[in-house]
PDB file of all heavy atoms in Angstrom:
ATOM      1  N   PRO A   1       0.805  -1.227   0.000  1.00  0.00           N
ATOM      2  CA  PRO A   1       0.000   0.000   0.000  1.00  0.00           C
ATOM      3  C   PRO A   1       0.836   1.276   0.000  1.00  0.00           C
ATOM      4  O   PRO A   1       0.432   2.278  -0.591  1.00  0.00           O
ATOM      5  CB  PRO A   1      -0.841  -0.118   1.271  1.00  0.00           C
ATOM      6  CG  PRO A   1      -0.085  -1.056   2.144  1.00  0.00           C
ATOM      7  CD  PRO A   1       0.606  -2.012   1.215  1.00  0.00           C
ATOM      8  N   GLN A   2       1.996   1.257   0.627  1.00  0.00           N
ATOM      9  CA  GLN A   2       2.830   2.462   0.640  1.00  0.00           C
ATOM     10  C   GLN A   2       3.338   2.772  -0.764  1.00  0.00           C
ATOM     11  O   GLN A   2       3.344   3.925  -1.187  1.00  0.00           O
ATOM     12  CB  GLN A   2       3.988   2.298   1.622  1.00  0.00           C
ATOM     13  CG  GLN A   2       3.529   2.393   3.073  1.00  0.00           C
ATOM     14  CD  GLN A   2       4.630   2.057   4.032  1.00  0.00           C
ATOM     15  OE1 GLN A   2       4.826   0.897   4.356  1.00  0.00           O
ATOM     16  NE2 GLN A   2       5.348   3.064   4.491  1.00  0.00           N
ATOM     17  N   SER A   3       3.738   1.762  -1.485  1.00  0.00           N
ATOM     18  CA  SER A   3       4.194   1.951  -2.859  1.00  0.00           C
ATOM     19  C   SER A   3       3.063   2.496  -3.729  1.00  0.00           C
ATOM     20  O   SER A   3       3.279   3.397  -4.544  1.00  0.00           O
ATOM     21  CB  SER A   3       4.707   0.628  -3.425  1.00  0.00           C
ATOM     22  OG  SER A   3       5.089   0.778  -4.763  1.00  0.00           O
ATOM     23  N   ALA A   4       1.868   1.966  -3.552  1.00  0.00           N
ATOM     24  CA  ALA A   4       0.714   2.443  -4.320  1.00  0.00           C
ATOM     25  C   ALA A   4       0.418   3.907  -3.998  1.00  0.00           C
ATOM     26  O   ALA A   4       0.116   4.706  -4.894  1.00  0.00           O
ATOM     27  CB  ALA A   4      -0.500   1.572  -4.037  1.00  0.00           C
ATOM     28  N   ALA A   5       0.512   4.272  -2.711  1.00  0.00           N
ATOM     29  CA  ALA A   5       0.273   5.663  -2.311  1.00  0.00           C
ATOM     30  C   ALA A   5       1.321   6.587  -2.926  1.00  0.00           C
ATOM     31  O   ALA A   5       0.991   7.663  -3.438  1.00  0.00           O
ATOM     32  CB  ALA A   5       0.277   5.780  -0.793  1.00  0.00           C
ATOM     33  N   ARG A   6       2.576   6.171  -2.896  1.00  0.00           N
ATOM     34  CA  ARG A   6       3.622   6.984  -3.513  1.00  0.00           C
ATOM     35  C   ARG A   6       3.355   7.170  -5.010  1.00  0.00           C
ATOM     36  O   ARG A   6       3.549   8.253  -5.565  1.00  0.00           O
ATOM     37  CB  ARG A   6       4.998   6.353  -3.295  1.00  0.00           C
ATOM     38  CG  ARG A   6       5.481   6.406  -1.857  1.00  0.00           C
ATOM     39  CD  ARG A   6       6.923   5.973  -1.716  1.00  0.00           C
ATOM     40  NE  ARG A   6       7.219   4.666  -2.274  1.00  0.00           N
ATOM     41  CZ  ARG A   6       7.191   3.509  -1.599  1.00  0.00           C
ATOM     42  NH1 ARG A   6       6.873   3.504  -0.303  1.00  0.00           N
ATOM     43  NH2 ARG A   6       7.505   2.377  -2.191  1.00  0.00           N
ATOM     44  N   GLY A   7       2.873   6.119  -5.653  1.00  0.00           N
ATOM     45  CA  GLY A   7       2.599   6.190  -7.092  1.00  0.00           C
ATOM     46  C   GLY A   7       1.507   7.176  -7.442  1.00  0.00           C
ATOM     47  O   GLY A   7       1.642   7.944  -8.399  1.00  0.00           O
ATOM     48  N   ILE A   8       0.418   7.179  -6.687  1.00  0.00           N
ATOM     49  CA  ILE A   8      -0.670   8.109  -7.003  1.00  0.00           C
ATOM     50  C   ILE A   8      -0.236   9.545  -6.732  1.00  0.00           C
ATOM     51  O   ILE A   8      -0.591  10.459  -7.478  1.00  0.00           O
ATOM     52  CB  ILE A   8      -1.988   7.749  -6.279  1.00  0.00           C
ATOM     53  CG1 ILE A   8      -3.142   8.500  -6.936  1.00  0.00           C
ATOM     54  CG2 ILE A   8      -1.916   8.027  -4.801  1.00  0.00           C
ATOM     55  CD1 ILE A   8      -4.507   8.044  -6.502  1.00  0.00           C
ATOM     56  N   VAL A   9       0.557   9.762  -5.688  1.00  0.00           N
ATOM     57  CA  VAL A   9       1.053  11.112  -5.414  1.00  0.00           C
ATOM     58  C   VAL A   9       1.934  11.584  -6.572  1.00  0.00           C
ATOM     59  O   VAL A   9       1.777  12.707  -7.067  1.00  0.00           O
ATOM     60  CB  VAL A   9       1.815  11.162  -4.076  1.00  0.00           C
ATOM     61  CG1 VAL A   9       2.544  12.497  -3.913  1.00  0.00           C
ATOM     62  CG2 VAL A   9       0.866  10.934  -2.906  1.00  0.00           C
ATOM     63  N   ARG A  10       2.835  10.736  -7.005  1.00  0.00           N
ATOM     64  CA  ARG A  10       3.711  11.128  -8.124  1.00  0.00           C
ATOM     65  C   ARG A  10       2.906  11.428  -9.389  1.00  0.00           C
ATOM     66  O   ARG A  10       3.215  12.374 -10.119  1.00  0.00           O
ATOM     67  CB  ARG A  10       4.734  10.032  -8.392  1.00  0.00           C
ATOM     68  CG  ARG A  10       5.827   9.989  -7.357  1.00  0.00           C
ATOM     69  CD  ARG A  10       6.909   8.985  -7.730  1.00  0.00           C
ATOM     70  NE  ARG A  10       7.891   8.903  -6.677  1.00  0.00           N
ATOM     71  CZ  ARG A  10       8.034   7.852  -5.872  1.00  0.00           C
ATOM     72  NH1 ARG A  10       7.264   6.776  -6.022  1.00  0.00           N
ATOM     73  NH2 ARG A  10       8.942   7.858  -4.934  1.00  0.00           N
ATOM     74  N   ARG A  11       1.893  10.623  -9.638  1.00  0.00           N
ATOM     75  CA  ARG A  11       1.076  10.821 -10.840  1.00  0.00           C
ATOM     76  C   ARG A  11       0.346  12.163 -10.790  1.00  0.00           C
ATOM     77  O   ARG A  11       0.343  12.914 -11.766  1.00  0.00           O
ATOM     78  CB  ARG A  11       0.077   9.678 -10.984  1.00  0.00           C
ATOM     79  CG  ARG A  11      -0.808   9.830 -12.189  1.00  0.00           C
ATOM     80  CD  ARG A  11      -1.711   8.645 -12.348  1.00  0.00           C
ATOM     81  NE  ARG A  11      -2.721   8.918 -13.347  1.00  0.00           N
ATOM     82  CZ  ARG A  11      -3.866   8.297 -13.417  1.00  0.00           C
ATOM     83  NH1 ARG A  11      -4.154   7.340 -12.559  1.00  0.00           N
ATOM     84  NH2 ARG A  11      -4.739   8.609 -14.335  1.00  0.00           N
ATOM     85  N   VAL A  12      -0.266  12.465  -9.673  1.00  0.00           N
ATOM     86  CA  VAL A  12      -1.042  13.704  -9.562  1.00  0.00           C
ATOM     87  C   VAL A  12      -0.129  14.922  -9.488  1.00  0.00           C
ATOM     88  O   VAL A  12      -0.423  15.957 -10.077  1.00  0.00           O
ATOM     89  CB  VAL A  12      -1.978  13.642  -8.333  1.00  0.00           C
ATOM     90  CG1 VAL A  12      -2.633  14.992  -8.068  1.00  0.00           C
ATOM     91  CG2 VAL A  12      -3.047  12.571  -8.536  1.00  0.00           C
ATOM     92  N   LEU A  13       0.989  14.803  -8.798  1.00  0.00           N
ATOM     93  CA  LEU A  13       1.835  15.974  -8.579  1.00  0.00           C
ATOM     94  C   LEU A  13       2.817  16.247  -9.703  1.00  0.00           C
ATOM     95  O   LEU A  13       3.700  17.092  -9.549  1.00  0.00           O
ATOM     96  CB  LEU A  13       2.564  15.867  -7.241  1.00  0.00           C
ATOM     97  CG  LEU A  13       1.662  16.049  -6.024  1.00  0.00           C
ATOM     98  CD1 LEU A  13       2.478  16.057  -4.756  1.00  0.00           C
ATOM     99  CD2 LEU A  13       0.824  17.309  -6.128  1.00  0.00           C
ATOM    100  N   THR A  14       2.648  15.616 -10.846  1.00  0.00           N
ATOM    101  CA  THR A  14       3.453  16.019 -11.998  1.00  0.00           C
ATOM    102  C   THR A  14       3.160  17.477 -12.338  1.00  0.00           C
ATOM    103  O   THR A  14       3.987  18.160 -12.926  1.00  0.00           O
ATOM    104  CB  THR A  14       3.178  15.137 -13.233  1.00  0.00           C
ATOM    105  OG1 THR A  14       1.786  15.194 -13.543  1.00  0.00           O
ATOM    106  CG2 THR A  14       3.619  13.710 -12.990  1.00  0.00           C
ATOM    107  N   GLN A  15       1.973  17.963 -11.915  1.00  0.00           N
ATOM    108  CA  GLN A  15       1.586  19.359 -12.125  1.00  0.00           C
ATOM    109  C   GLN A  15       2.187  20.288 -11.074  1.00  0.00           C
ATOM    110  O   GLN A  15       2.125  21.509 -11.222  1.00  0.00           O
ATOM    111  CB  GLN A  15       0.064  19.491 -12.072  1.00  0.00           C
ATOM    112  CG  GLN A  15      -0.658  18.646 -13.098  1.00  0.00           C
ATOM    113  CD  GLN A  15      -2.150  18.676 -12.838  1.00  0.00           C
ATOM    114  OE1 GLN A  15      -2.748  19.733 -12.773  1.00  0.00           O
ATOM    115  NE2 GLN A  15      -2.741  17.512 -12.683  1.00  0.00           N
ATOM    116  N   ALA A  16       2.710  19.724  -9.997  1.00  0.00           N
ATOM    117  CA  ALA A  16       3.256  20.527  -8.896  1.00  0.00           C
ATOM    118  C   ALA A  16       4.541  19.886  -8.378  1.00  0.00           C
ATOM    119  O   ALA A  16       4.615  19.453  -7.231  1.00  0.00           O
ATOM    120  CB  ALA A  16       2.221  20.642  -7.785  1.00  0.00           C
ATOM    121  N   PRO A  17       5.579  19.810  -9.211  1.00  0.00           N
ATOM    122  CA  PRO A  17       6.779  19.073  -8.822  1.00  0.00           C
ATOM    123  C   PRO A  17       7.503  19.639  -7.604  1.00  0.00           C
ATOM    124  O   PRO A  17       8.213  18.901  -6.920  1.00  0.00           O
ATOM    125  CB  PRO A  17       7.660  19.144 -10.072  1.00  0.00           C
ATOM    126  CG  PRO A  17       7.159  20.299 -10.854  1.00  0.00           C
ATOM    127  CD  PRO A  17       5.692  20.406 -10.550  1.00  0.00           C
ATOM    128  N   GLU A  18       7.318  20.924  -7.295  1.00  0.00           N
ATOM    129  CA  GLU A  18       8.003  21.510  -6.141  1.00  0.00           C
ATOM    130  C   GLU A  18       7.546  20.911  -4.815  1.00  0.00           C
ATOM    131  O   GLU A  18       8.255  20.982  -3.826  1.00  0.00           O
ATOM    132  CB  GLU A  18       7.853  23.042  -6.122  1.00  0.00           C
ATOM    133  CG  GLU A  18       6.449  23.546  -5.876  1.00  0.00           C
ATOM    134  CD  GLU A  18       5.591  23.649  -7.132  1.00  0.00           C
ATOM    135  OE1 GLU A  18       5.924  23.063  -8.176  1.00  0.00           O
ATOM    136  OE2 GLU A  18       4.557  24.322  -7.053  1.00  0.00           O
ATOM    137  N   LEU A  19       6.370  20.292  -4.780  1.00  0.00           N
ATOM    138  CA  LEU A  19       5.870  19.662  -3.562  1.00  0.00           C
ATOM    139  C   LEU A  19       6.059  18.148  -3.553  1.00  0.00           C
ATOM    140  O   LEU A  19       5.838  17.504  -2.530  1.00  0.00           O
ATOM    141  CB  LEU A  19       4.372  19.957  -3.394  1.00  0.00           C
ATOM    142  CG  LEU A  19       3.985  21.389  -3.094  1.00  0.00           C
ATOM    143  CD1 LEU A  19       2.468  21.521  -3.017  1.00  0.00           C
ATOM    144  CD2 LEU A  19       4.624  21.869  -1.809  1.00  0.00           C
ATOM    145  N   MET A  20       6.436  17.579  -4.668  1.00  0.00           N
ATOM    146  CA  MET A  20       6.379  16.127  -4.829  1.00  0.00           C
ATOM    147  C   MET A  20       7.140  15.356  -3.752  1.00  0.00           C
ATOM    148  O   MET A  20       6.582  14.457  -3.133  1.00  0.00           O
ATOM    149  CB  MET A  20       6.862  15.694  -6.205  1.00  0.00           C
ATOM    150  CG  MET A  20       6.640  14.203  -6.377  1.00  0.00           C
ATOM    151  SD  MET A  20       6.694  13.527  -8.015  1.00  0.00           S
ATOM    152  CE  MET A  20       5.938  14.676  -9.066  1.00  0.00           C
ATOM    153  N   ASP A  21       8.400  15.670  -3.508  1.00  0.00           N
ATOM    154  CA  ASP A  21       9.185  14.887  -2.560  1.00  0.00           C
ATOM    155  C   ASP A  21       8.562  14.890  -1.165  1.00  0.00           C
ATOM    156  O   ASP A  21       8.457  13.841  -0.526  1.00  0.00           O
ATOM    157  CB  ASP A  21      10.622  15.404  -2.493  1.00  0.00           C
ATOM    158  CG  ASP A  21      11.401  15.144  -3.765  1.00  0.00           C
ATOM    159  OD1 ASP A  21      10.992  14.271  -4.562  1.00  0.00           O
ATOM    160  OD2 ASP A  21      12.427  15.821  -3.968  1.00  0.00           O
ATOM    161  N   ASP A  22       8.152  16.061  -0.694  1.00  0.00           N
ATOM    162  CA  ASP A  22       7.566  16.152   0.644  1.00  0.00           C
ATOM    163  C   ASP A  22       6.240  15.404   0.729  1.00  0.00           C
ATOM    164  O   ASP A  22       5.986  14.675   1.695  1.00  0.00           O
ATOM    165  CB  ASP A  22       7.355  17.612   1.048  1.00  0.00           C
ATOM    166  CG  ASP A  22       8.662  18.346   1.316  1.00  0.00           C
ATOM    167  OD1 ASP A  22       9.732  17.699   1.365  1.00  0.00           O
ATOM    168  OD2 ASP A  22       8.609  19.582   1.473  1.00  0.00           O
ATOM    169  N   VAL A  23       5.380  15.554  -0.266  1.00  0.00           N
ATOM    170  CA  VAL A  23       4.073  14.895  -0.229  1.00  0.00           C
ATOM    171  C   VAL A  23       4.229  13.379  -0.370  1.00  0.00           C
ATOM    172  O   VAL A  23       3.544  12.614   0.305  1.00  0.00           O
ATOM    173  CB  VAL A  23       3.118  15.468  -1.294  1.00  0.00           C
ATOM    174  CG1 VAL A  23       1.766  14.762  -1.254  1.00  0.00           C
ATOM    175  CG2 VAL A  23       2.917  16.968  -1.078  1.00  0.00           C
ATOM    176  N   VAL A  24       5.143  12.932  -1.210  1.00  0.00           N
ATOM    177  CA  VAL A  24       5.408  11.493  -1.345  1.00  0.00           C
ATOM    178  C   VAL A  24       5.845  10.919   0.001  1.00  0.00           C
ATOM    179  O   VAL A  24       5.346   9.883   0.445  1.00  0.00           O
ATOM    180  CB  VAL A  24       6.464  11.209  -2.445  1.00  0.00           C
ATOM    181  CG1 VAL A  24       6.989   9.783  -2.352  1.00  0.00           C
ATOM    182  CG2 VAL A  24       5.881  11.454  -3.822  1.00  0.00           C
ATOM    183  N   LEU A  25       6.779  11.579   0.667  1.00  0.00           N
ATOM    184  CA  LEU A  25       7.265  11.092   1.957  1.00  0.00           C
ATOM    185  C   LEU A  25       6.164  11.079   3.004  1.00  0.00           C
ATOM    186  O   LEU A  25       6.003  10.095   3.742  1.00  0.00           O
ATOM    187  CB  LEU A  25       8.448  11.941   2.433  1.00  0.00           C
ATOM    188  CG  LEU A  25       9.071  11.534   3.764  1.00  0.00           C
ATOM    189  CD1 LEU A  25       9.512  10.079   3.757  1.00  0.00           C
ATOM    190  CD2 LEU A  25      10.232  12.457   4.092  1.00  0.00           C
ATOM    191  N   VAL A  26       5.377  12.132   3.061  1.00  0.00           N
ATOM    192  CA  VAL A  26       4.298  12.189   4.052  1.00  0.00           C
ATOM    193  C   VAL A  26       3.240  11.129   3.770  1.00  0.00           C
ATOM    194  O   VAL A  26       2.786  10.435   4.686  1.00  0.00           O
ATOM    195  CB  VAL A  26       3.694  13.607   4.121  1.00  0.00           C
ATOM    196  CG1 VAL A  26       2.368  13.613   4.871  1.00  0.00           C
ATOM    197  CG2 VAL A  26       4.690  14.556   4.783  1.00  0.00           C
ATOM    198  N   ALA A  27       2.835  10.956   2.524  1.00  0.00           N
ATOM    199  CA  ALA A  27       1.858   9.911   2.194  1.00  0.00           C
ATOM    200  C   ALA A  27       2.385   8.536   2.589  1.00  0.00           C
ATOM    201  O   ALA A  27       1.664   7.720   3.174  1.00  0.00           O
ATOM    202  CB  ALA A  27       1.520   9.951   0.705  1.00  0.00           C
ATOM    203  N   ASP A  28       3.657   8.279   2.294  1.00  0.00           N
ATOM    204  CA  ASP A  28       4.288   7.019   2.664  1.00  0.00           C
ATOM    205  C   ASP A  28       4.243   6.808   4.181  1.00  0.00           C
ATOM    206  O   ASP A  28       3.888   5.726   4.662  1.00  0.00           O
ATOM    207  CB  ASP A  28       5.730   7.005   2.151  1.00  0.00           C
ATOM    208  CG  ASP A  28       6.436   5.713   2.453  1.00  0.00           C
ATOM    209  OD1 ASP A  28       6.314   4.772   1.646  1.00  0.00           O
ATOM    210  OD2 ASP A  28       7.122   5.627   3.503  1.00  0.00           O
ATOM    211  N   GLU A  29       4.593   7.836   4.930  1.00  0.00           N
ATOM    212  CA  GLU A  29       4.592   7.735   6.391  1.00  0.00           C
ATOM    213  C   GLU A  29       3.192   7.525   6.951  1.00  0.00           C
ATOM    214  O   GLU A  29       2.988   6.714   7.852  1.00  0.00           O
ATOM    215  CB  GLU A  29       5.220   8.988   7.021  1.00  0.00           C
ATOM    216  CG  GLU A  29       6.697   9.123   6.795  1.00  0.00           C
ATOM    217  CD  GLU A  29       7.526   8.041   7.472  1.00  0.00           C
ATOM    218  OE1 GLU A  29       7.037   7.379   8.407  1.00  0.00           O
ATOM    219  OE2 GLU A  29       8.679   7.856   7.062  1.00  0.00           O
ATOM    220  N   LEU A  30       2.211   8.248   6.421  1.00  0.00           N
ATOM    221  CA  LEU A  30       0.842   8.109   6.926  1.00  0.00           C
ATOM    222  C   LEU A  30       0.278   6.726   6.636  1.00  0.00           C
ATOM    223  O   LEU A  30      -0.396   6.130   7.480  1.00  0.00           O
ATOM    224  CB  LEU A  30      -0.052   9.200   6.345  1.00  0.00           C
ATOM    225  CG  LEU A  30       0.274  10.634   6.769  1.00  0.00           C
ATOM    226  CD1 LEU A  30      -0.677  11.616   6.101  1.00  0.00           C
ATOM    227  CD2 LEU A  30       0.260  10.780   8.280  1.00  0.00           C
ATOM    228  N   VAL A  31       0.538   6.208   5.445  1.00  0.00           N
ATOM    229  CA  VAL A  31       0.071   4.847   5.124  1.00  0.00           C
ATOM    230  C   VAL A  31       0.795   3.836   6.005  1.00  0.00           C
ATOM    231  O   VAL A  31       0.176   2.920   6.548  1.00  0.00           O
ATOM    232  CB  VAL A  31       0.250   4.537   3.623  1.00  0.00           C
ATOM    233  CG1 VAL A  31      -0.022   3.060   3.333  1.00  0.00           C
ATOM    234  CG2 VAL A  31      -0.671   5.422   2.789  1.00  0.00           C
ATOM    235  N   GLY A  32       2.100   4.003   6.176  1.00  0.00           N
ATOM    236  CA  GLY A  32       2.856   3.102   7.050  1.00  0.00           C
ATOM    237  C   GLY A  32       2.332   3.113   8.476  1.00  0.00           C
ATOM    238  O   GLY A  32       2.201   2.066   9.117  1.00  0.00           O
ATOM    239  N   ASN A  33       2.011   4.299   8.998  1.00  0.00           N
ATOM    240  CA  ASN A  33       1.438   4.399  10.342  1.00  0.00           C
ATOM    241  C   ASN A  33       0.094   3.697  10.429  1.00  0.00           C
ATOM    242  O   ASN A  33      -0.199   3.016  11.417  1.00  0.00           O
ATOM    243  CB  ASN A  33       1.285   5.857  10.761  1.00  0.00           C
ATOM    244  CG  ASN A  33       2.592   6.477  11.192  1.00  0.00           C
ATOM    245  OD1 ASN A  33       3.591   5.808  11.376  1.00  0.00           O
ATOM    246  ND2 ASN A  33       2.580   7.799  11.329  1.00  0.00           N
ATOM    247  N   ALA A  34      -0.741   3.868   9.405  1.00  0.00           N
ATOM    248  CA  ALA A  34      -2.058   3.212   9.414  1.00  0.00           C
ATOM    249  C   ALA A  34      -1.893   1.696   9.419  1.00  0.00           C
ATOM    250  O   ALA A  34      -2.592   0.994  10.166  1.00  0.00           O
ATOM    251  CB  ALA A  34      -2.880   3.662   8.212  1.00  0.00           C
ATOM    252  N   VAL A  35      -0.985   1.185   8.624  1.00  0.00           N
ATOM    253  CA  VAL A  35      -0.747  -0.263   8.580  1.00  0.00           C
ATOM    254  C   VAL A  35      -0.215  -0.754   9.928  1.00  0.00           C
ATOM    255  O   VAL A  35      -0.693  -1.754  10.474  1.00  0.00           O
ATOM    256  CB  VAL A  35       0.221  -0.624   7.429  1.00  0.00           C
ATOM    257  CG1 VAL A  35       0.672  -2.069   7.514  1.00  0.00           C
ATOM    258  CG2 VAL A  35      -0.435  -0.340   6.075  1.00  0.00           C
ATOM    259  N   THR A  36       0.757  -0.037  10.476  1.00  0.00           N
ATOM    260  CA  THR A  36       1.378  -0.449  11.736  1.00  0.00           C
ATOM    261  C   THR A  36       0.431  -0.357  12.916  1.00  0.00           C
ATOM    262  O   THR A  36       0.346  -1.282  13.725  1.00  0.00           O
ATOM    263  CB  THR A  36       2.630   0.413  12.019  1.00  0.00           C
ATOM    264  OG1 THR A  36       3.559   0.219  10.950  1.00  0.00           O
ATOM    265  CG2 THR A  36       3.278   0.047  13.343  1.00  0.00           C
ATOM    266  N   HIS A  37      -0.296   0.738  13.039  1.00  0.00           N
ATOM    267  CA  HIS A  37      -1.081   0.995  14.246  1.00  0.00           C
ATOM    268  C   HIS A  37      -2.553   0.630  14.129  1.00  0.00           C
ATOM    269  O   HIS A  37      -3.212   0.431  15.151  1.00  0.00           O
ATOM    270  CB  HIS A  37      -0.934   2.457  14.660  1.00  0.00           C
ATOM    271  CG  HIS A  37       0.476   2.837  14.949  1.00  0.00           C
ATOM    272  ND1 HIS A  37       1.182   2.368  16.039  1.00  0.00           N
ATOM    273  CD2 HIS A  37       1.349   3.623  14.265  1.00  0.00           C
ATOM    274  CE1 HIS A  37       2.407   2.847  16.023  1.00  0.00           C
ATOM    275  NE2 HIS A  37       2.540   3.620  14.945  1.00  0.00           N
ATOM    276  N   ALA A  38      -3.091   0.548  12.920  1.00  0.00           N
ATOM    277  CA  ALA A  38      -4.513   0.217  12.749  1.00  0.00           C
ATOM    278  C   ALA A  38      -4.704  -1.083  11.966  1.00  0.00           C
ATOM    279  O   ALA A  38      -5.833  -1.502  11.757  1.00  0.00           O
ATOM    280  CB  ALA A  38      -5.238   1.363  12.042  1.00  0.00           C
ATOM    281  N   GLY A  39      -3.622  -1.676  11.501  1.00  0.00           N
ATOM    282  CA  GLY A  39      -3.714  -2.941  10.778  1.00  0.00           C
ATOM    283  C   GLY A  39      -3.859  -2.807   9.283  1.00  0.00           C
ATOM    284  O   GLY A  39      -3.546  -3.735   8.544  1.00  0.00           O
ATOM    285  N   GLU A  40      -4.325  -1.643   8.829  1.00  0.00           N
ATOM    286  CA  GLU A  40      -4.529  -1.448   7.398  1.00  0.00           C
ATOM    287  C   GLU A  40      -4.875   0.008   7.123  1.00  0.00           C
ATOM    288  O   GLU A  40      -5.569   0.651   7.896  1.00  0.00           O
ATOM    289  CB  GLU A  40      -5.690  -2.337   6.930  1.00  0.00           C
ATOM    290  CG  GLU A  40      -6.029  -2.231   5.472  1.00  0.00           C
ATOM    291  CD  GLU A  40      -7.168  -3.161   5.062  1.00  0.00           C
ATOM    292  OE1 GLU A  40      -8.241  -3.127   5.700  1.00  0.00           O
ATOM    293  OE2 GLU A  40      -6.963  -3.905   4.098  1.00  0.00           O
ATOM    294  N   ALA A  41      -4.380   0.509   6.004  1.00  0.00           N
ATOM    295  CA  ALA A  41      -4.814   1.814   5.499  1.00  0.00           C
ATOM    296  C   ALA A  41      -5.968   1.536   4.547  1.00  0.00           C
ATOM    297  O   ALA A  41      -5.869   0.656   3.692  1.00  0.00           O
ATOM    298  CB  ALA A  41      -3.680   2.524   4.783  1.00  0.00           C
TER     299      ALA A  41
END
């Protein structure tokens, strides 16, 4: 799921590349937290 989340962020943010790295990292972290602490995102 983290890889999938990173992929959708990259796809959408091709229009806003200045935010891409930060948003990719945050999406990855949030999905990872959901998997770790809630069992699933």
